[in-house]
Amino acid sequence: MRVEVIRAWPRRHESKVLDLPAGATVADAVAAAGMGDEDHVGVAIYGEKVDAAHALREGDRVELLRRLTMDPKEARRRRAVK
């Protein structure tokens, strides 16, 4: 089955398309993509948070979620001051 693993930072991203066997999990996809070393705090499929044991389906897009650099409320306050 074909899946895509994505991780993103401000103004850049990395994406890998993988062919995995049926029954593969999110953890299998992250390991196969070689992206497990990075500091990610969660994983999502098309924006829906899932755990590492979640079984993948054909065409899934696995998104590695990173830690927020700033509280969204604080970012809005700073923009409003400008």
Protein backbone atom coordinates (compact mmCIF):
# COMPACT_ATOMS: atom_id res chain seq x y z
CA MET A 1 0.00 0.00 0.00
CA ARG A 2 1.19 3.51 -0.76
CA VAL A 3 1.27 6.16 2.02
CA GLU A 4 2.95 9.54 2.47
CA VAL A 5 4.83 10.72 5.58
CA ILE A 6 5.17 14.49 6.08
CA ARG A 7 6.88 16.74 8.58
CA ALA A 8 6.89 20.52 8.38
CA TRP A 9 8.64 23.52 9.83
CA PRO A 10 7.99 27.20 9.19
CA ARG A 11 8.61 27.87 5.48
CA ARG A 12 9.77 24.33 4.58
CA HIS A 13 8.61 20.71 4.63
CA GLU A 14 9.79 17.19 3.91
CA SER A 15 7.66 14.47 2.34
CA LYS A 16 8.33 10.80 1.56
CA VAL A 17 6.04 8.45 -0.35
CA LEU A 18 6.37 4.84 0.81
CA ASP A 19 5.17 1.44 -0.37
CA LEU A 20 4.36 -0.58 2.76
CA PRO A 21 2.86 -4.05 3.23
CA ALA A 22 -0.81 -4.39 4.14
CA GLY A 23 -1.38 -4.14 7.88
CA ALA A 24 1.41 -1.60 8.42
CA THR A 25 1.02 0.85 11.30
CA VAL A 26 1.86 4.53 11.75
CA ALA A 27 5.01 3.51 13.66
CA ASP A 28 6.09 1.33 10.70
CA ALA A 29 5.64 4.26 8.30
CA VAL A 30 7.59 6.70 10.48
CA ALA A 31 10.43 4.20 10.87
CA ALA A 32 10.50 3.39 7.13
CA ALA A 33 10.63 7.10 6.31
CA GLY A 34 13.58 7.58 8.66
CA MET A 35 11.83 10.44 10.43
CA GLY A 36 11.55 8.86 13.89
CA ASP A 37 14.65 10.63 15.22
CA GLU A 38 13.10 14.09 15.16
CA ASP A 39 11.38 15.68 18.13
CA HIS A 40 7.71 15.24 17.29
CA VAL A 41 4.98 15.24 19.91
CA GLY A 42 2.27 13.41 18.01
CA VAL A 43 1.09 11.92 14.76
CA ALA A 44 -2.00 12.64 12.67
CA ILE A 45 -3.59 11.26 9.53
CA TYR A 46 -5.15 14.05 7.46
CA GLY A 47 -5.25 16.25 10.57
CA GLU A 48 -6.89 13.69 12.87
CA LYS A 49 -4.61 12.74 15.77
CA VAL A 50 -3.86 8.99 15.99
CA ASP A 51 -1.50 6.79 18.00
CA ALA A 52 1.53 4.90 16.69
CA ALA A 53 -0.34 1.57 16.61
CA HIS A 54 -3.03 2.89 14.23
CA ALA A 55 -3.36 0.70 11.12
CA LEU A 56 -2.80 2.52 7.84
CA ARG A 57 -4.95 2.41 4.71
CA GLU A 58 -4.03 2.99 1.08
CA GLY A 59 -3.39 6.68 0.38
CA ASP A 60 -3.09 7.84 4.01
CA ARG A 61 -1.00 10.95 4.70
CA VAL A 62 0.87 10.58 8.00
CA GLU A 63 1.71 13.99 9.51
CA LEU A 64 4.34 14.36 12.22
CA LEU A 65 3.22 17.03 14.68
CA ARG A 66 5.82 19.30 16.22
CA ARG A 67 5.76 21.21 19.47
CA LEU A 68 4.35 24.75 19.28
CA THR A 69 7.03 27.43 19.45
CA MET A 70 4.66 29.96 20.99
CA ASP A 71 1.24 29.98 22.62
CA PRO A 72 -1.30 30.92 19.89
CA LYS A 73 -2.95 33.48 22.18
CA GLU A 74 0.36 35.19 22.81
CA ALA A 75 1.13 35.26 19.08
CA ARG A 76 -2.22 36.98 18.41
CA ARG A 77 -1.54 39.53 21.15
CA ARG A 78 1.85 40.38 19.63
CA ARG A 79 0.36 40.78 16.16
CA ALA A 80 -2.39 43.03 17.54
CA VAL A 81 0.19 45.32 19.17
CA LYS A 82 1.84 45.88 15.79
